[in-house]
Amino acid sequence: MQRLSIIALMALTAGPVLAGGPIEVAPEAPVAAAPAAPVHNWAGFFVGGQLGNINASNDFVLDAPAGAFNLNMDASGLEGGVYGGYDWQGAGQLVYGFDAEYNWADADGSDDLVQTGAPTATFTTYVNATAALRGRVGYAMDRTLLYATAGFAWIDYNISESVPGDDGVSTDYTENGWTLGAGIEQAFDGGWSGRIDYRFSDFGTIVQDQLSSQWDLTTSEVRIGLAKRF
């Protein structure tokens, strides 16, 4: 009799649970995701200074009475200057803009004209200044920007001819040409950015009747720059 009473009590207790079905467990509240780190935007003006090295290749051909002479007057040295420009950036990682620069240079190179077994004259190339106006397009990886450039180049240089026992001849030249380049730029806190920039420029073939000569002039420039962005 006592056993039947226990069984009946258990049936009465389980009845409401079986009638209502399984008890549902409330889902856990979703965990809020951490806010995404802001992506750097490259749009805006920038102005800065740079310092680097310039190499000027001067393939010089002199037409002398004894024939044509090929001289290697490649110049190399330091340069420093200023640059500035503006960049645009859309919703993606494409960055495009323009860049203008002017540099003061201290580069020179010379070669001797040898006739009848002895030097009869020395020709020297001096590079005084360079400048460029370039368009640029880049790919931004947050604070790092890889870019390529192309545009117009300008150079101010001098060619001198010195003869033993004579003051010689010195002539200044300015030439226009085209330029291509590439670089990498890194953004820092406070609106600053640093870059490493390479630029190759070609000024074509220059013909000079005064020196009875012609030459092909190209330059390669590698610079480190620091700019303020606005």
Protein backbone atom coordinates (compact mmCIF):
# COMPACT_ATOMS: atom_id res chain seq x y z
CA MET A 1 0.00 0.00 0.00
CA GLN A 2 2.81 2.36 0.87
CA ARG A 3 4.52 1.52 -2.43
CA LEU A 4 1.42 2.43 -4.41
CA SER A 5 1.21 5.78 -2.63
CA ILE A 6 4.83 6.66 -3.61
CA ILE A 7 4.17 5.77 -7.25
CA ALA A 8 1.00 7.90 -7.31
CA LEU A 9 2.86 10.84 -5.79
CA MET A 10 5.57 10.64 -8.43
CA ALA A 11 2.99 10.55 -11.22
CA LEU A 12 1.21 13.62 -9.88
CA THR A 13 4.53 15.53 -9.59
CA ALA A 14 5.71 14.71 -13.11
CA GLY A 15 2.34 15.47 -14.66
CA PRO A 16 2.72 19.24 -15.14
CA VAL A 17 6.22 18.85 -16.61
CA LEU A 18 5.09 16.21 -19.14
CA ALA A 19 2.02 18.24 -20.02
CA GLY A 20 4.00 21.40 -20.76
CA GLY A 21 6.82 19.70 -22.71
CA PRO A 22 10.55 20.20 -22.16
CA ILE A 23 11.66 23.33 -20.39
CA GLU A 24 13.42 25.76 -22.81
CA VAL A 25 16.73 27.32 -21.73
CA ALA A 26 17.00 31.06 -22.43
CA PRO A 27 19.77 31.81 -25.00
CA GLU A 28 22.83 33.69 -23.81
CA ALA A 29 23.03 37.37 -24.70
CA PRO A 30 25.33 37.98 -27.71
CA VAL A 31 28.76 39.38 -26.91
CA ALA A 32 29.28 42.82 -28.45
CA ALA A 33 32.06 42.80 -31.07
CA ALA A 34 35.02 45.12 -30.47
CA PRO A 35 34.92 48.21 -32.70
CA ALA A 36 37.15 47.94 -35.78
CA ALA A 37 40.37 49.92 -35.72
CA PRO A 38 40.13 53.05 -37.87
CA VAL A 39 41.69 52.80 -41.34
CA HIS A 40 44.10 55.61 -42.21
CA ASN A 41 42.92 58.03 -44.90
CA TRP A 42 45.62 59.51 -47.17
CA ALA A 43 43.51 62.36 -48.60
CA GLY A 44 44.79 65.90 -48.16
CA PHE A 45 47.66 68.28 -48.73
CA PHE A 46 51.24 67.49 -47.73
CA VAL A 47 54.55 69.40 -47.68
CA GLY A 48 57.98 68.19 -46.67
CA GLY A 49 61.72 68.06 -47.15
CA GLN A 50 64.03 65.37 -48.53
CA LEU A 51 67.69 64.42 -48.71
CA GLY A 52 69.37 61.92 -51.00
CA ASN A 53 71.79 61.03 -53.76
CA ILE A 54 71.81 61.90 -57.46
CA ASN A 55 73.68 60.20 -60.30
CA ALA A 56 73.77 61.87 -63.73
CA SER A 57 74.86 59.79 -66.71
CA ASN A 58 76.41 61.97 -69.42
CA ASP A 59 77.46 60.12 -72.59
CA PHE A 60 79.48 62.90 -74.20
CA VAL A 61 80.68 62.79 -77.82
CA LEU A 62 83.16 65.47 -78.94
CA ASP A 63 83.76 66.13 -82.63
CA ALA A 64 87.42 67.14 -82.84
CA PRO A 65 89.65 67.59 -85.91
CA ALA A 66 91.29 64.28 -85.10
CA GLY A 67 87.90 62.51 -85.01
CA ALA A 68 85.09 61.81 -82.55
CA PHE A 69 85.93 61.20 -78.90
CA ASN A 70 83.63 59.54 -76.37
CA LEU A 71 83.94 60.88 -72.82
CA ASN A 72 82.39 59.55 -69.62
CA MET A 73 81.38 62.58 -67.56
CA ASP A 74 79.03 60.82 -65.12
CA ALA A 75 78.34 63.02 -62.10
CA SER A 76 77.33 61.93 -58.62
CA GLY A 77 76.75 63.65 -55.30
CA LEU A 78 74.22 64.78 -52.71
CA GLU A 79 70.98 66.67 -53.11
CA GLY A 80 68.37 68.12 -50.80
CA GLY A 81 65.09 69.84 -51.42
CA VAL A 82 61.41 70.38 -50.73
CA TYR A 83 58.28 68.66 -52.02
CA GLY A 84 54.53 68.93 -51.68
CA GLY A 85 51.26 67.91 -53.26
CA TYR A 86 47.78 66.55 -52.72
CA ASP A 87 46.27 63.05 -52.51
CA TRP A 88 42.73 61.75 -52.99
CA GLN A 89 41.39 58.45 -51.64
CA GLY A 90 38.02 56.85 -52.33
CA ALA A 91 36.23 54.17 -50.34
CA GLY A 92 38.79 51.55 -51.35
CA GLN A 93 42.57 51.31 -51.16
CA LEU A 94 43.35 53.32 -54.32
CA VAL A 95 45.19 56.60 -53.70
CA TYR A 96 45.99 59.08 -56.46
CA GLY A 97 47.32 62.62 -56.58
CA PHE A 98 50.19 64.85 -57.68
CA ASP A 99 53.65 65.67 -56.36
CA ALA A 100 55.94 68.67 -57.08
CA GLU A 101 59.56 68.98 -55.94
CA TYR A 102 62.68 71.15 -56.18
CA ASN A 103 66.17 70.04 -55.17
CA TRP A 104 69.54 71.72 -54.78
CA ALA A 105 72.36 69.41 -55.92
CA ASP A 106 76.11 69.19 -55.44
CA ALA A 107 77.21 66.58 -57.97
CA ASP A 108 80.06 66.53 -60.47
CA GLY A 109 82.08 64.21 -62.68
CA SER A 110 84.86 64.69 -65.22
CA ASP A 111 86.87 62.93 -67.89
CA ASP A 112 90.06 63.79 -69.78
CA LEU A 113 90.28 64.22 -73.51
CA VAL A 114 93.39 62.31 -74.54
CA GLN A 115 95.04 63.08 -77.87
CA THR A 116 98.53 62.05 -79.01
CA GLY A 117 98.92 60.02 -75.82
CA ALA A 118 98.48 62.92 -73.33
CA PRO A 119 95.48 64.73 -71.81
CA THR A 120 94.79 67.91 -73.77
CA ALA A 121 91.59 69.01 -71.98
CA THR A 122 89.32 68.06 -69.09
CA PHE A 123 85.52 68.13 -69.43
CA THR A 124 83.38 68.31 -66.27
CA THR A 125 79.64 68.05 -65.62
CA TYR A 126 78.18 69.88 -62.59
CA VAL A 127 74.56 69.31 -61.54
CA ASN A 128 73.16 72.35 -59.72
CA ALA A 129 69.43 71.64 -59.32
CA THR A 130 66.58 69.34 -60.35
CA ALA A 131 62.80 69.62 -60.25
CA ALA A 132 59.75 67.59 -61.23
CA LEU A 133 55.97 67.68 -61.44
CA ARG A 134 54.54 64.17 -61.19
CA GLY A 135 51.23 62.39 -60.98
CA ARG A 136 51.15 59.40 -58.67
CA VAL A 137 48.92 56.43 -57.99
CA GLY A 138 49.24 54.14 -55.01
CA TYR A 139 47.83 51.21 -53.07
CA ALA A 140 47.17 51.86 -49.39
CA MET A 141 47.55 49.19 -46.72
CA ASP A 142 46.22 51.27 -43.84
CA ARG A 143 49.26 53.39 -42.83
CA THR A 144 51.56 52.05 -45.56
CA LEU A 145 51.34 53.36 -49.12
CA LEU A 146 53.06 51.85 -52.17
CA TYR A 147 53.06 54.20 -55.16
CA ALA A 148 54.31 54.79 -58.70
CA THR A 149 54.89 58.17 -60.36
CA ALA A 150 55.31 59.71 -63.83
CA GLY A 151 55.58 63.25 -65.12
CA PHE A 152 57.84 66.08 -66.24
CA ALA A 153 61.44 66.69 -65.13
CA TRP A 154 63.77 69.71 -65.23
CA ILE A 155 67.51 70.03 -64.61
CA ASP A 156 70.02 72.87 -64.22
CA TYR A 157 73.63 71.86 -64.89
CA ASN A 158 76.95 73.09 -66.22
CA ILE A 159 79.59 71.69 -68.59
CA SER A 160 83.09 73.11 -68.46
CA GLU A 161 86.18 72.53 -70.58
CA SER A 162 89.54 73.31 -69.05
CA VAL A 163 92.77 73.33 -71.04
CA PRO A 164 96.24 73.40 -69.46
CA GLY A 165 97.41 76.99 -69.37
CA ASP A 166 93.94 78.38 -70.22
CA ASP A 167 90.82 79.31 -68.25
CA GLY A 168 88.71 77.19 -70.58
CA VAL A 169 84.99 77.42 -71.36
CA SER A 170 82.04 76.97 -68.98
CA THR A 171 78.41 76.90 -70.10
CA ASP A 172 75.16 76.60 -68.11
CA TYR A 173 72.25 74.51 -69.42
CA THR A 174 68.66 73.86 -68.41
CA GLU A 175 66.77 70.94 -69.95
CA ASN A 176 63.27 69.46 -69.78
CA GLY A 177 62.48 65.76 -69.94
CA TRP A 178 60.27 62.97 -68.63
CA THR A 179 60.50 61.08 -65.35
CA LEU A 180 59.31 57.79 -63.85
CA GLY A 181 59.55 56.64 -60.26
CA ALA A 182 58.25 54.62 -57.34
CA GLY A 183 58.32 54.69 -53.58
CA ILE A 184 56.92 53.64 -50.23
CA GLU A 185 55.40 56.00 -47.66
CA GLN A 186 54.55 55.37 -44.02
CA ALA A 187 52.08 57.45 -41.99
CA PHE A 188 52.89 58.33 -38.37
CA ASP A 189 50.91 59.87 -35.54
CA GLY A 190 50.36 63.60 -35.52
CA GLY A 191 49.84 63.92 -39.26
CA TRP A 192 53.45 63.11 -40.23
CA SER A 193 54.65 60.69 -42.90
CA GLY A 194 58.03 59.49 -44.11
CA ARG A 195 58.94 58.10 -47.51
CA ILE A 196 61.69 56.54 -49.59
CA ASP A 197 61.42 57.76 -53.18
CA TYR A 198 63.23 56.81 -56.41
CA ARG A 199 63.09 58.85 -59.62
CA PHE A 200 64.63 58.22 -63.08
CA SER A 201 64.66 61.09 -65.61
CA ASP A 202 65.63 61.26 -69.28
CA PHE A 203 66.50 64.57 -70.96
CA GLY A 204 67.22 63.20 -74.41
CA THR A 205 70.11 64.13 -76.71
CA ILE A 206 71.51 67.67 -76.44
CA VAL A 207 73.45 69.11 -79.40
CA GLN A 208 75.86 72.00 -78.75
CA ASP A 209 77.59 73.64 -81.69
CA GLN A 210 79.77 75.83 -79.47
CA LEU A 211 81.58 72.78 -78.09
CA SER A 212 81.19 70.79 -81.35
CA SER A 213 79.61 68.06 -79.28
CA GLN A 214 76.45 66.24 -78.24
CA TRP A 215 75.47 64.20 -75.22
CA ASP A 216 72.70 62.00 -73.79
CA LEU A 217 71.73 62.98 -70.26
CA THR A 218 69.82 60.87 -67.71
CA THR A 219 69.58 61.03 -63.91
CA SER A 220 68.74 58.63 -61.09
CA GLU A 221 67.74 60.04 -57.70
CA VAL A 222 67.09 58.22 -54.40
CA ARG A 223 65.74 60.32 -51.51
CA ILE A 224 64.41 59.99 -47.95
CA GLY A 225 61.67 62.48 -47.11
CA LEU A 226 59.59 63.62 -44.14
CA ALA A 227 56.30 65.47 -44.67
CA LYS A 228 53.49 67.06 -42.69
CA ARG A 229 49.98 66.13 -43.85
CA PHE A 230 46.94 68.38 -43.46
